């Protein structure tokens, strides 16, 4: 019998009180538990070699960390920012990567319970990749964008940060200058600021929908191929999904890093006297 295509919404497997526990929540909990165990093991290994040169697997992880630092530096142009942003960006990257790849393991999508779903008794998978749940990807994108605004306000101050969007300061200085061109430019930039606010909402939607759409489409594709010729036809596409998993995790993490870097970079205004002291615009 051909496997049913995964529905858009995650399926509830059981309830804790009135709280439905979905198959994507089970997968995300397993992923987080795995990270906790991994962190404890690494912490014990670091304590064991405290004050000594790292050996074995610690050397491997140290080399990965150095590579990440170098790559992040090309975006932030600051080692200090890199160190501050790495915990959030690195966590998002690893969580998305493991969540994507865990969906390719045998049993994910095929082990389940027979439950009444949409009026029919059907096999509901116990496990489903967390990133195929739009609620999860939307929550991560909200975290990334809102955190970038909070960090930006904390670093450069509320009024300077607010002036990035609604340039009241530039408008005031342009009116004082009585220069027609400066005033016209300031008025245009003032209204462009409202478009910038709309773009912040678009960031959240694009981040969440891109990740959800790519991973969910992969799940549907593998289900269809498994229904046509099981075990053989899906194999090359599973290899492609491994690549898609790391690409999507990288895109989400790097965009988050760019948002954080841009939010903590002062923008040159028309009345700035020391524009040369401002940090360069971040690039990927």
Foldseek 3Di string as FASTA:
>chain_A
DAADQDDLAFDFADADVPRGQGQQNVLLVVLVVVVVVVVVVVVVQCVVQPPHDDDDPVVVVVVVVVVQLVVLCLFQVDSVLSVVLCVLLVVLLSSLLCLLLVCLDPQQSPDADQDQDPNDTDGRRNHDRNLLHLVSQLVSLVCLLVVLQVLLCVQPNDVLLLCVQQVPVQCVVLVVVVDVVSNVVNVVSRVVSVVVVVVSVVSSVCRSCVSNVVSSVLSSVLSVQCSVPNPPRCVVSSVVSSVVSNVSSVVSSVVSSLSNSQSNWGDDGPPDPCVVPTDDRGDD
